[in-house]
Every structure is written in structure tokens, then in C-alpha cells.
Amino acid sequence: MNPILALLKEHNIADEQIRDIFQQLTENPLAAMATISQLGLPQDKLQMSMAQVMQNPALIKDAVDELGLDYSKVEEAKEKLQK
């Protein structure tokens, strides 16, 4: 299982909520980050997960694919942020 998804499940985040977060990530990454910060995850675990993503950005794609979402939407959102 993807380590990002595993972390969320480990902290009893419901599958539907995880899916919603990643759907939000594909539409508005900044809003998704705000949502993630409100989940009450321990700061050290959240930082560790962010470090993993920074070292291996493909983890986001893997999680999106695992959830059956459209990764091209993540790329579109990323392009919007860079403008």
C-alpha cells in the first residue's frame, strides 16, 4: 500500500475522506493541504510523509492511481499553481 494512504488509514481516516482529499488535491492542491492539516495527524508523521513525497513525487501519482482518480487533473492543477 502507498505510504501516504497507509498513514491516513493508520490514523483512522475513512476511505471516503481519503478519496475526497485526493479528489480535492486534483482540483485545488492548496485547499487539499489545508484539509490535510486539519486531520489532526501527528506533526512528526505528517512531516515524515511530506519528506517522502519530496524525495519521491511519484508517491502522489501512485496514491491517485490506487484510488482510481485521474492523475492528469493533478498535473493540470500543478500547472495552474506555477502560473
PDB file of N, CA and C in Angstrom:
ATOM      1  N   MET A   1       0.849  -1.186   0.000  1.00  0.00           N
ATOM      2  CA  MET A   1       0.000   0.000   0.000  1.00  0.00           C
ATOM      3  C   MET A   1       0.890   1.243   0.000  1.00  0.00           C
ATOM      4  N   ASN A   2       0.414   2.249  -0.671  1.00  0.00           N
ATOM      5  CA  ASN A   2       1.102   3.533  -0.741  1.00  0.00           C
ATOM      6  C   ASN A   2       1.299   4.072   0.680  1.00  0.00           C
ATOM      7  N   PRO A   3       2.511   4.572   1.019  1.00  0.00           N
ATOM      8  CA  PRO A   3       2.759   5.047   2.392  1.00  0.00           C
ATOM      9  C   PRO A   3       1.891   6.237   2.811  1.00  0.00           C
ATOM     10  N   ILE A   4       1.496   7.055   1.862  1.00  0.00           N
ATOM     11  CA  ILE A   4       0.618   8.184   2.196  1.00  0.00           C
ATOM     12  C   ILE A   4      -0.749   7.657   2.620  1.00  0.00           C
ATOM     13  N   LEU A   5      -1.278   6.742   1.829  1.00  0.00           N
ATOM     14  CA  LEU A   5      -2.576   6.151   2.166  1.00  0.00           C
ATOM     15  C   LEU A   5      -2.493   5.358   3.467  1.00  0.00           C
ATOM     16  N   ALA A   6      -1.389   4.653   3.659  1.00  0.00           N
ATOM     17  CA  ALA A   6      -1.203   3.874   4.881  1.00  0.00           C
ATOM     18  C   ALA A   6      -1.213   4.785   6.108  1.00  0.00           C
ATOM     19  N   LEU A   7      -0.545   5.936   6.015  1.00  0.00           N
ATOM     20  CA  LEU A   7      -0.518   6.881   7.132  1.00  0.00           C
ATOM     21  C   LEU A   7      -1.931   7.364   7.459  1.00  0.00           C
ATOM     22  N   LEU A   8      -2.688   7.707   6.441  1.00  0.00           N
ATOM     23  CA  LEU A   8      -4.050   8.192   6.672  1.00  0.00           C
ATOM     24  C   LEU A   8      -4.920   7.102   7.294  1.00  0.00           C
ATOM     25  N   LYS A   9      -4.803   5.888   6.785  1.00  0.00           N
ATOM     26  CA  LYS A   9      -5.596   4.778   7.332  1.00  0.00           C
ATOM     27  C   LYS A   9      -5.161   4.448   8.763  1.00  0.00           C
ATOM     28  N   GLU A  10      -3.856   4.546   9.015  1.00  0.00           N
ATOM     29  CA  GLU A  10      -3.326   4.278  10.357  1.00  0.00           C
ATOM     30  C   GLU A  10      -3.952   5.204  11.387  1.00  0.00           C
ATOM     31  N   HIS A  11      -4.324   6.395  10.955  1.00  0.00           N
ATOM     32  CA  HIS A  11      -4.909   7.383  11.870  1.00  0.00           C
ATOM     33  C   HIS A  11      -6.420   7.480  11.709  1.00  0.00           C
ATOM     34  N   ASN A  12      -6.995   6.352  11.250  1.00  0.00           N
ATOM     35  CA  ASN A  12      -8.449   6.188  11.190  1.00  0.00           C
ATOM     36  C   ASN A  12      -9.162   7.214  10.325  1.00  0.00           C
ATOM     37  N   ILE A  13      -8.513   7.623   9.248  1.00  0.00           N
ATOM     38  CA  ILE A  13      -9.173   8.487   8.280  1.00  0.00           C
ATOM     39  C   ILE A  13      -9.971   7.557   7.365  1.00  0.00           C
ATOM     40  N   ALA A  14     -11.250   7.818   7.233  1.00  0.00           N
ATOM     41  CA  ALA A  14     -12.143   6.951   6.458  1.00  0.00           C
ATOM     42  C   ALA A  14     -11.757   6.953   4.982  1.00  0.00           C
ATOM     43  N   ASP A  15     -11.996   5.819   4.329  1.00  0.00           N
ATOM     44  CA  ASP A  15     -11.675   5.682   2.904  1.00  0.00           C
ATOM     45  C   ASP A  15     -12.324   6.781   2.078  1.00  0.00           C
ATOM     46  N   GLU A  16     -13.568   7.089   2.382  1.00  0.00           N
ATOM     47  CA  GLU A  16     -14.272   8.130   1.631  1.00  0.00           C
ATOM     48  C   GLU A  16     -13.596   9.491   1.830  1.00  0.00           C
ATOM     49  N   GLN A  17     -13.169   9.774   3.039  1.00  0.00           N
ATOM     50  CA  GLN A  17     -12.497  11.043   3.310  1.00  0.00           C
ATOM     51  C   GLN A  17     -11.145  11.095   2.600  1.00  0.00           C
ATOM     52  N   ILE A  18     -10.429   9.969   2.565  1.00  0.00           N
ATOM     53  CA  ILE A  18      -9.149   9.904   1.850  1.00  0.00           C
ATOM     54  C   ILE A  18      -9.378  10.186   0.372  1.00  0.00           C
ATOM     55  N   ARG A  19     -10.383   9.556  -0.168  1.00  0.00           N
ATOM     56  CA  ARG A  19     -10.711   9.764  -1.589  1.00  0.00           C
ATOM     57  C   ARG A  19     -11.064  11.232  -1.841  1.00  0.00           C
ATOM     58  N   ASP A  20     -11.840  11.821  -0.935  1.00  0.00           N
ATOM     59  CA  ASP A  20     -12.215  13.233  -1.079  1.00  0.00           C
ATOM     60  C   ASP A  20     -10.986  14.144  -1.046  1.00  0.00           C
ATOM     61  N   ILE A  21     -10.044  13.834  -0.160  1.00  0.00           N
ATOM     62  CA  ILE A  21      -8.825  14.641  -0.053  1.00  0.00           C
ATOM     63  C   ILE A  21      -8.043  14.583  -1.360  1.00  0.00           C
ATOM     64  N   PHE A  22      -7.895  13.386  -1.909  1.00  0.00           N
ATOM     65  CA  PHE A  22      -7.143  13.253  -3.147  1.00  0.00           C
ATOM     66  C   PHE A  22      -7.905  13.830  -4.333  1.00  0.00           C
ATOM     67  N   GLN A  23      -9.233  13.761  -4.294  1.00  0.00           N
ATOM     68  CA  GLN A  23     -10.028  14.421  -5.339  1.00  0.00           C
ATOM     69  C   GLN A  23      -9.794  15.925  -5.254  1.00  0.00           C
ATOM     70  N   GLN A  24      -9.795  16.444  -4.039  1.00  0.00           N
ATOM     71  CA  GLN A  24      -9.540  17.868  -3.835  1.00  0.00           C
ATOM     72  C   GLN A  24      -8.128  18.229  -4.301  1.00  0.00           C
ATOM     73  N   LEU A  25      -7.185  17.335  -4.055  1.00  0.00           N
ATOM     74  CA  LEU A  25      -5.805  17.548  -4.499  1.00  0.00           C
ATOM     75  C   LEU A  25      -5.744  17.712  -6.009  1.00  0.00           C
ATOM     76  N   THR A  26      -6.567  16.960  -6.727  1.00  0.00           N
ATOM     77  CA  THR A  26      -6.553  17.058  -8.186  1.00  0.00           C
ATOM     78  C   THR A  26      -7.185  18.363  -8.667  1.00  0.00           C
ATOM     79  N   GLU A  27      -8.000  18.980  -7.825  1.00  0.00           N
ATOM     80  CA  GLU A  27      -8.692  20.201  -8.232  1.00  0.00           C
ATOM     81  C   GLU A  27      -8.044  21.462  -7.667  1.00  0.00           C
ATOM     82  N   ASN A  28      -7.602  21.389  -6.428  1.00  0.00           N
ATOM     83  CA  ASN A  28      -7.056  22.568  -5.767  1.00  0.00           C
ATOM     84  C   ASN A  28      -6.054  22.128  -4.692  1.00  0.00           C
ATOM     85  N   PRO A  29      -4.787  21.966  -5.077  1.00  0.00           N
ATOM     86  CA  PRO A  29      -3.780  21.457  -4.136  1.00  0.00           C
ATOM     87  C   PRO A  29      -3.650  22.270  -2.847  1.00  0.00           C
ATOM     88  N   LEU A  30      -3.795  23.584  -2.937  1.00  0.00           N
ATOM     89  CA  LEU A  30      -3.669  24.403  -1.724  1.00  0.00           C
ATOM     90  C   LEU A  30      -4.788  24.110  -0.733  1.00  0.00           C
ATOM     91  N   ALA A  31      -5.998  23.950  -1.243  1.00  0.00           N
ATOM     92  CA  ALA A  31      -7.119  23.610  -0.367  1.00  0.00           C
ATOM     93  C   ALA A  31      -6.928  22.222   0.231  1.00  0.00           C
ATOM     94  N   ALA A  32      -6.391  21.304  -0.554  1.00  0.00           N
ATOM     95  CA  ALA A  32      -6.137  19.952  -0.046  1.00  0.00           C
ATOM     96  C   ALA A  32      -5.135  19.988   1.094  1.00  0.00           C
ATOM     97  N   MET A  33      -4.114  20.811   0.968  1.00  0.00           N
ATOM     98  CA  MET A  33      -3.117  20.912   2.034  1.00  0.00           C
ATOM     99  C   MET A  33      -3.754  21.447   3.313  1.00  0.00           C
ATOM    100  N   ALA A  34      -4.662  22.401   3.173  1.00  0.00           N
ATOM    101  CA  ALA A  34      -5.357  22.936   4.343  1.00  0.00           C
ATOM    102  C   ALA A  34      -6.211  21.849   4.993  1.00  0.00           C
ATOM    103  N   THR A  35      -6.873  21.060   4.172  1.00  0.00           N
ATOM    104  CA  THR A  35      -7.700  19.965   4.685  1.00  0.00           C
ATOM    105  C   THR A  35      -6.846  18.946   5.421  1.00  0.00           C
ATOM    106  N   ILE A  36      -5.710  18.585   4.826  1.00  0.00           N
ATOM    107  CA  ILE A  36      -4.812  17.615   5.446  1.00  0.00           C
ATOM    108  C   ILE A  36      -4.325  18.123   6.800  1.00  0.00           C
ATOM    109  N   SER A  37      -4.029  19.417   6.882  1.00  0.00           N
ATOM    110  CA  SER A  37      -3.532  19.966   8.146  1.00  0.00           C
ATOM    111  C   SER A  37      -4.600  19.924   9.241  1.00  0.00           C
ATOM    112  N   GLN A  38      -5.868  19.832   8.862  1.00  0.00           N
ATOM    113  CA  GLN A  38      -6.960  19.801   9.836  1.00  0.00           C
ATOM    114  C   GLN A  38      -7.330  18.388  10.283  1.00  0.00           C
ATOM    115  N   LEU A  39      -6.643  17.378   9.756  1.00  0.00           N
ATOM    116  CA  LEU A  39      -6.985  15.996  10.091  1.00  0.00           C
ATOM    117  C   LEU A  39      -6.502  15.572  11.469  1.00  0.00           C
ATOM    118  N   GLY A  40      -5.633  16.367  12.065  1.00  0.00           N
ATOM    119  CA  GLY A  40      -5.134  16.027  13.387  1.00  0.00           C
ATOM    120  C   GLY A  40      -4.047  14.962  13.392  1.00  0.00           C
ATOM    121  N   LEU A  41      -3.359  14.816  12.272  1.00  0.00           N
ATOM    122  CA  LEU A  41      -2.254  13.858  12.214  1.00  0.00           C
ATOM    123  C   LEU A  41      -1.096  14.392  13.041  1.00  0.00           C
ATOM    124  N   PRO A  42      -0.370  13.510  13.708  1.00  0.00           N
ATOM    125  CA  PRO A  42       0.800  13.969  14.466  1.00  0.00           C
ATOM    126  C   PRO A  42       1.784  14.688  13.537  1.00  0.00           C
ATOM    127  N   GLN A  43       2.298  15.808  13.995  1.00  0.00           N
ATOM    128  CA  GLN A  43       3.167  16.643  13.169  1.00  0.00           C
ATOM    129  C   GLN A  43       4.383  15.869  12.654  1.00  0.00           C
ATOM    130  N   ASP A  44       4.961  15.020  13.492  1.00  0.00           N
ATOM    131  CA  ASP A  44       6.144  14.273  13.047  1.00  0.00           C
ATOM    132  C   ASP A  44       5.807  13.303  11.917  1.00  0.00           C
ATOM    133  N   LYS A  45       4.638  12.670  11.990  1.00  0.00           N
ATOM    134  CA  LYS A  45       4.215  11.745  10.930  1.00  0.00           C
ATOM    135  C   LYS A  45       3.920  12.504   9.644  1.00  0.00           C
ATOM    136  N   LEU A  46       3.284  13.654   9.784  1.00  0.00           N
ATOM    137  CA  LEU A  46       2.964  14.467   8.615  1.00  0.00           C
ATOM    138  C   LEU A  46       4.242  14.956   7.934  1.00  0.00           C
ATOM    139  N   GLN A  47       5.200  15.409   8.725  1.00  0.00           N
ATOM    140  CA  GLN A  47       6.475  15.864   8.174  1.00  0.00           C
ATOM    141  C   GLN A  47       7.227  14.721   7.498  1.00  0.00           C
ATOM    142  N   MET A  48       7.180  13.543   8.094  1.00  0.00           N
ATOM    143  CA  MET A  48       7.839  12.380   7.504  1.00  0.00           C
ATOM    144  C   MET A  48       7.204  12.036   6.153  1.00  0.00           C
ATOM    145  N   SER A  49       5.895  12.099   6.108  1.00  0.00           N
ATOM    146  CA  SER A  49       5.184  11.805   4.866  1.00  0.00           C
ATOM    147  C   SER A  49       5.520  12.844   3.797  1.00  0.00           C
ATOM    148  N   MET A  50       5.559  14.106   4.194  1.00  0.00           N
ATOM    149  CA  MET A  50       5.907  15.170   3.240  1.00  0.00           C
ATOM    150  C   MET A  50       7.329  14.988   2.725  1.00  0.00           C
ATOM    151  N   ALA A  51       8.238  14.577   3.592  1.00  0.00           N
ATOM    152  CA  ALA A  51       9.618  14.329   3.166  1.00  0.00           C
ATOM    153  C   ALA A  51       9.668  13.188   2.156  1.00  0.00           C
ATOM    154  N   GLN A  52       8.859  12.151   2.378  1.00  0.00           N
ATOM    155  CA  GLN A  52       8.806  11.045   1.426  1.00  0.00           C
ATOM    156  C   GLN A  52       8.330  11.527   0.059  1.00  0.00           C
ATOM    157  N   VAL A  53       7.317  12.377   0.062  1.00  0.00           N
ATOM    158  CA  VAL A  53       6.777  12.904  -1.195  1.00  0.00           C
ATOM    159  C   VAL A  53       7.812  13.787  -1.892  1.00  0.00           C
ATOM    160  N   MET A  54       8.538  14.576  -1.110  1.00  0.00           N
ATOM    161  CA  MET A  54       9.562  15.445  -1.704  1.00  0.00           C
ATOM    162  C   MET A  54      10.666  14.609  -2.354  1.00  0.00           C
ATOM    163  N   GLN A  55      11.016  13.497  -1.729  1.00  0.00           N
ATOM    164  CA  GLN A  55      12.060  12.628  -2.269  1.00  0.00           C
ATOM    165  C   GLN A  55      11.543  11.758  -3.412  1.00  0.00           C
ATOM    166  N   ASN A  56      10.253  11.455  -3.392  1.00  0.00           N
ATOM    167  CA  ASN A  56       9.679  10.582  -4.401  1.00  0.00           C
ATOM    168  C   ASN A  56       8.282  11.087  -4.776  1.00  0.00           C
ATOM    169  N   PRO A  57       8.210  12.123  -5.632  1.00  0.00           N
ATOM    170  CA  PRO A  57       6.910  12.683  -6.012  1.00  0.00           C
ATOM    171  C   PRO A  57       5.968  11.668  -6.655  1.00  0.00           C
ATOM    172  N   ALA A  58       6.495  10.573  -7.158  1.00  0.00           N
ATOM    173  CA  ALA A  58       5.645   9.551  -7.780  1.00  0.00           C
ATOM    174  C   ALA A  58       4.673   8.935  -6.764  1.00  0.00           C
ATOM    175  N   LEU A  59       4.924   9.122  -5.471  1.00  0.00           N
ATOM    176  CA  LEU A  59       4.013   8.597  -4.453  1.00  0.00           C
ATOM    177  C   LEU A  59       2.620   9.206  -4.596  1.00  0.00           C
ATOM    178  N   ILE A  60       2.558  10.471  -4.993  1.00  0.00           N
ATOM    179  CA  ILE A  60       1.255  11.113  -5.206  1.00  0.00           C
ATOM    180  C   ILE A  60       0.538  10.425  -6.366  1.00  0.00           C
ATOM    181  N   LYS A  61       1.254  10.224  -7.465  1.00  0.00           N
ATOM    182  CA  LYS A  61       0.658   9.551  -8.620  1.00  0.00           C
ATOM    183  C   LYS A  61       0.200   8.156  -8.235  1.00  0.00           C
ATOM    184  N   ASP A  62       1.025   7.436  -7.504  1.00  0.00           N
ATOM    185  CA  ASP A  62       0.670   6.084  -7.079  1.00  0.00           C
ATOM    186  C   ASP A  62      -0.612   6.092  -6.238  1.00  0.00           C
ATOM    187  N   ALA A  63      -0.711   7.044  -5.317  1.00  0.00           N
ATOM    188  CA  ALA A  63      -1.898   7.128  -4.461  1.00  0.00           C
ATOM    189  C   ALA A  63      -3.136   7.477  -5.282  1.00  0.00           C
ATOM    190  N   VAL A  64      -2.988   8.427  -6.194  1.00  0.00           N
ATOM    191  CA  VAL A  64      -4.114   8.822  -7.047  1.00  0.00           C
ATOM    192  C   VAL A  64      -4.559   7.633  -7.891  1.00  0.00           C
ATOM    193  N   ASP A  65      -3.602   6.914  -8.464  1.00  0.00           N
ATOM    194  CA  ASP A  65      -3.929   5.729  -9.259  1.00  0.00           C
ATOM    195  C   ASP A  65      -4.604   4.660  -8.402  1.00  0.00           C
ATOM    196  N   GLU A  66      -4.070   4.450  -7.197  1.00  0.00           N
ATOM    197  CA  GLU A  66      -4.630   3.433  -6.298  1.00  0.00           C
ATOM    198  C   GLU A  66      -6.077   3.754  -5.929  1.00  0.00           C
ATOM    199  N   LEU A  67      -6.391   5.034  -5.862  1.00  0.00           N
ATOM    200  CA  LEU A  67      -7.751   5.458  -5.534  1.00  0.00           C
ATOM    201  C   LEU A  67      -8.657   5.523  -6.761  1.00  0.00           C
ATOM    202  N   GLY A  68      -8.077   5.291  -7.940  1.00  0.00           N
ATOM    203  CA  GLY A  68      -8.870   5.294  -9.169  1.00  0.00           C
ATOM    204  C   GLY A  68      -9.216   6.683  -9.669  1.00  0.00           C
ATOM    205  N   LEU A  69      -8.413   7.673  -9.298  1.00  0.00           N
ATOM    206  CA  LEU A  69      -8.659   9.043  -9.747  1.00  0.00           C
ATOM    207  C   LEU A  69      -7.812   9.349 -10.981  1.00  0.00           C
ATOM    208  N   ASP A  70      -8.066  10.477 -11.586  1.00  0.00           N
ATOM    209  CA  ASP A  70      -7.401  10.879 -12.821  1.00  0.00           C
ATOM    210  C   ASP A  70      -6.177  11.737 -12.501  1.00  0.00           C
ATOM    211  N   TYR A  71      -4.988  11.175 -12.702  1.00  0.00           N
ATOM    212  CA  TYR A  71      -3.761  11.895 -12.366  1.00  0.00           C
ATOM    213  C   TYR A  71      -3.543  13.114 -13.261  1.00  0.00           C
ATOM    214  N   SER A  72      -4.088  13.110 -14.461  1.00  0.00           N
ATOM    215  CA  SER A  72      -3.900  14.270 -15.340  1.00  0.00           C
ATOM    216  C   SER A  72      -4.455  15.536 -14.695  1.00  0.00           C
ATOM    217  N   LYS A  73      -5.442  15.375 -13.826  1.00  0.00           N
ATOM    218  CA  LYS A  73      -6.006  16.526 -13.103  1.00  0.00           C
ATOM    219  C   LYS A  73      -4.978  17.107 -12.130  1.00  0.00           C
ATOM    220  N   VAL A  74      -4.151  16.260 -11.540  1.00  0.00           N
ATOM    221  CA  VAL A  74      -3.085  16.732 -10.654  1.00  0.00           C
ATOM    222  C   VAL A  74      -2.096  17.565 -11.454  1.00  0.00           C
ATOM    223  N   GLU A  75      -1.732  17.078 -12.629  1.00  0.00           N
ATOM    224  CA  GLU A  75      -0.803  17.815 -13.490  1.00  0.00           C
ATOM    225  C   GLU A  75      -1.389  19.165 -13.893  1.00  0.00           C
ATOM    226  N   GLU A  76      -2.683  19.193 -14.221  1.00  0.00           N
ATOM    227  CA  GLU A  76      -3.335  20.459 -14.576  1.00  0.00           C
ATOM    228  C   GLU A  76      -3.313  21.431 -13.406  1.00  0.00           C
ATOM    229  N   ALA A  77      -3.602  20.941 -12.208  1.00  0.00           N
ATOM    230  CA  ALA A  77      -3.582  21.793 -11.013  1.00  0.00           C
ATOM    231  C   ALA A  77      -2.176  22.319 -10.757  1.00  0.00           C
ATOM    232  N   LYS A  78      -1.173  21.465 -10.954  1.00  0.00           N
ATOM    233  CA  LYS A  78       0.218  21.875 -10.740  1.00  0.00           C
ATOM    234  C   LYS A  78       0.603  22.986 -11.720  1.00  0.00           C
ATOM    235  N   GLU A  79       0.169  22.855 -12.962  1.00  0.00           N
ATOM    236  CA  GLU A  79       0.462  23.890 -13.973  1.00  0.00           C
ATOM    237  C   GLU A  79      -0.195  25.221 -13.590  1.00  0.00           C
ATOM    238  N   LYS A  80      -1.413  25.172 -13.084  1.00  0.00           N
ATOM    239  CA  LYS A  80      -2.098  26.387 -12.664  1.00  0.00           C
ATOM    240  C   LYS A  80      -1.334  27.082 -11.535  1.00  0.00           C
ATOM    241  N   LEU A  81      -0.801  26.281 -10.611  1.00  0.00           N
ATOM    242  CA  LEU A  81      -0.054  26.864  -9.481  1.00  0.00           C
ATOM    243  C   LEU A  81       1.248  27.527  -9.951  1.00  0.00           C
ATOM    244  N   GLN A  82       1.834  27.000 -11.006  1.00  0.00           N
ATOM    245  CA  GLN A  82       3.110  27.532 -11.480  1.00  0.00           C
ATOM    246  C   GLN A  82       2.947  28.811 -12.268  1.00  0.00           C
ATOM    247  N   LYS A  83       1.732  29.150 -12.646  1.00  0.00           N
ATOM    248  CA  LYS A  83       1.477  30.377 -13.431  1.00  0.00           C
ATOM    249  C   LYS A  83       1.375  31.600 -12.553  1.00  0.00           C
TER     250      LYS A  83
END
